[in-house]
């Protein structure tokens, strides 16, 4: 059986690596490379959010009947992170290293807290309630992952 927690946690780690790559480029003030790296981080993270919001969360909500619980909190946090990512993109246009580092620190702390809640609480709940269709829920996510590795 596919482990939703394992696959999604591995994707969190991948997003973290992309985030660090962009920050390292900011430290060098390599703005053109930073923009590419930041866009890669943002696009990968938005794909992750998309899979949660459009596949995992609805399946969990349908199975449990909980629509205003942990998934609602996670969606709200996704929106907050989207806003911070937009702010980061703006700092690249401004080539403002200090502002970038300040916003990225806020986002990093937020992501760590968010990911821990998903990995320790929500993903196990989703696995438990949706165990019979875990493979189906992760099919598109896994195929996206293997196609991008090719």
Protein backbone atom coordinates (compact mmCIF):
# COMPACT_ATOMS: atom_id res chain seq x y z
CA UNK A 1 0.00 0.00 0.00
CA UNK A 2 1.19 3.53 -0.78
CA UNK A 3 1.99 5.60 2.30
CA UNK A 4 0.41 9.01 1.86
CA UNK A 5 2.40 10.31 4.82
CA UNK A 6 5.71 9.10 3.39
CA UNK A 7 5.13 10.45 -0.12
CA UNK A 8 3.83 13.81 1.02
CA UNK A 9 6.57 14.16 3.66
CA UNK A 10 9.19 13.43 1.01
CA UNK A 11 7.63 16.14 -1.12
CA UNK A 12 7.83 18.55 1.83
CA UNK A 13 11.57 17.78 2.04
CA UNK A 14 11.96 18.37 -1.71
CA UNK A 15 10.21 21.74 -1.43
CA UNK A 16 12.49 22.64 1.49
CA UNK A 17 15.56 21.87 -0.63
CA UNK A 18 14.30 24.16 -3.39
CA UNK A 19 13.59 26.89 -0.84
CA UNK A 20 17.15 26.66 0.53
CA UNK A 21 18.59 26.75 -2.99
CA UNK A 22 16.81 30.05 -3.67
CA UNK A 23 17.93 31.54 -0.38
CA UNK A 24 21.56 30.60 -1.02
CA UNK A 25 21.39 32.43 -4.35
CA UNK A 26 19.95 35.53 -2.66
CA UNK A 27 22.91 35.53 -0.29
CA UNK A 28 25.16 35.71 -3.37
CA UNK A 29 22.90 38.43 -4.85
CA UNK A 30 22.57 36.33 -7.99
CA UNK A 31 19.16 37.76 -8.83
CA UNK A 32 18.53 36.08 -12.20
CA UNK A 33 19.36 32.63 -10.83
CA UNK A 34 17.40 33.38 -7.66
CA UNK A 35 14.31 34.20 -9.69
CA UNK A 36 14.53 30.84 -11.47
CA UNK A 37 15.14 28.94 -8.23
CA UNK A 38 12.36 30.77 -6.39
CA UNK A 39 9.90 30.11 -9.21
CA UNK A 40 10.86 26.44 -9.11
CA UNK A 41 10.20 26.35 -5.36
CA UNK A 42 6.90 28.20 -5.71
CA UNK A 43 5.62 26.07 -8.59
CA UNK A 44 6.56 22.82 -6.85
CA UNK A 45 4.97 23.96 -3.59
CA UNK A 46 1.80 25.09 -5.37
CA UNK A 47 1.55 21.66 -7.03
CA UNK A 48 1.82 20.12 -3.57
CA UNK A 49 -0.93 22.41 -2.24
CA UNK A 50 -3.05 21.63 -5.29
CA UNK A 51 -2.84 17.89 -4.68
CA UNK A 52 -3.82 18.34 -1.06
CA UNK A 53 -6.63 20.81 -1.70
CA UNK A 54 -8.14 19.08 -4.73
CA UNK A 55 -7.51 15.40 -3.98
CA UNK A 56 -6.49 14.49 -0.44
CA UNK A 57 -8.54 16.97 1.57
CA UNK A 58 -11.82 16.37 -0.32
CA UNK A 59 -11.38 12.58 0.00
CA UNK A 60 -10.78 12.94 3.73
CA UNK A 61 -13.74 15.29 4.14
CA UNK A 62 -16.02 12.97 2.19
CA UNK A 63 -14.92 9.94 4.19
CA UNK A 64 -15.14 11.59 7.64
CA UNK A 65 -17.74 14.32 7.16
CA UNK A 66 -15.29 16.83 8.71
CA UNK A 67 -15.31 19.90 6.51
CA UNK A 68 -14.48 22.59 9.04
CA UNK A 69 -11.66 20.88 10.86
CA UNK A 70 -8.00 20.31 10.11
CA UNK A 71 -8.35 20.63 6.33
CA UNK A 72 -9.91 24.06 6.69
CA UNK A 73 -6.97 25.15 8.85
CA UNK A 74 -4.47 23.78 6.31
CA UNK A 75 -6.21 25.57 3.43
CA UNK A 76 -6.06 28.83 5.37
CA UNK A 77 -2.36 28.31 6.06
CA UNK A 78 -1.78 27.58 2.36
CA UNK A 79 -3.28 30.97 1.56
CA UNK A 80 -0.98 32.67 4.04
CA UNK A 81 2.04 30.91 2.51
CA UNK A 82 0.92 31.87 -1.00
CA UNK A 83 0.92 35.52 0.12
CA UNK A 84 4.44 35.19 1.55
CA UNK A 85 5.64 33.57 -1.69
CA UNK A 86 4.20 36.47 -3.63
CA UNK A 87 6.05 38.86 -1.34
CA UNK A 88 9.29 36.93 -1.93
CA UNK A 89 8.82 37.25 -5.68
CA UNK A 90 8.42 40.99 -5.30
CA UNK A 91 11.69 41.27 -3.36
CA UNK A 92 13.49 39.59 -6.28
CA UNK A 93 12.18 42.29 -8.63
CA UNK A 94 13.39 44.90 -6.14
CA UNK A 95 16.67 43.01 -5.57
CA UNK A 96 16.15 43.57 -1.86
CA UNK A 97 18.26 40.99 -0.06
CA UNK A 98 17.36 42.05 3.49
CA UNK A 99 13.62 42.05 2.84
CA UNK A 100 13.89 38.69 1.08
CA UNK A 101 15.72 37.16 4.04
CA UNK A 102 13.19 38.58 6.50
CA UNK A 103 10.20 37.22 4.58
CA UNK A 104 11.92 33.90 3.92
CA UNK A 105 12.59 33.46 7.64
CA UNK A 106 8.90 34.01 8.35
CA UNK A 107 7.92 31.57 5.61
CA UNK A 108 10.43 28.97 6.78
CA UNK A 109 9.08 28.99 10.34
CA UNK A 110 5.52 28.88 9.03
CA UNK A 111 6.29 25.98 6.65
CA UNK A 112 8.00 23.95 9.38
CA UNK A 113 5.03 24.33 11.72
CA UNK A 114 2.55 23.62 8.94
CA UNK A 115 4.41 20.55 7.67
CA UNK A 116 4.72 19.14 11.17
CA UNK A 117 0.94 19.41 11.66
CA UNK A 118 0.32 17.66 8.36
CA UNK A 119 2.94 14.95 8.87
CA UNK A 120 2.15 14.22 12.51
CA UNK A 121 -1.63 14.71 12.53
CA UNK A 122 -3.42 15.16 9.22
CA UNK A 123 -1.63 12.67 6.95
CA UNK A 124 -2.07 9.82 9.46
CA UNK A 125 -5.76 10.76 9.75
CA UNK A 126 -6.09 10.72 5.95
CA UNK A 127 -4.30 7.37 5.72
CA UNK A 128 -6.56 5.87 8.37
CA UNK A 129 -9.82 7.15 6.88
CA UNK A 130 -8.90 6.67 3.20
CA UNK A 131 -6.75 3.51 3.39
CA UNK A 132 -8.88 1.63 0.86
CA UNK A 133 -8.18 4.17 -1.90
CA UNK A 134 -4.72 5.50 -0.98
CA UNK A 135 -3.19 4.27 -4.24
CA UNK A 136 -5.85 6.04 -6.28
CA UNK A 137 -5.46 9.26 -4.27
CA UNK A 138 -1.72 9.33 -4.87
CA UNK A 139 -1.71 8.04 -8.48
CA UNK A 140 -1.45 11.45 -10.17
CA UNK A 141 0.97 12.74 -7.56
CA UNK A 142 3.29 9.74 -7.96
CA UNK A 143 3.14 9.88 -11.77
CA UNK A 144 3.96 13.62 -11.64
CA UNK A 145 6.93 12.82 -9.46
CA UNK A 146 8.28 10.09 -11.72
CA UNK A 147 7.69 12.08 -14.91
CA UNK A 148 9.62 15.07 -13.54
CA UNK A 149 12.53 12.78 -12.61
CA UNK A 150 12.82 11.49 -16.16
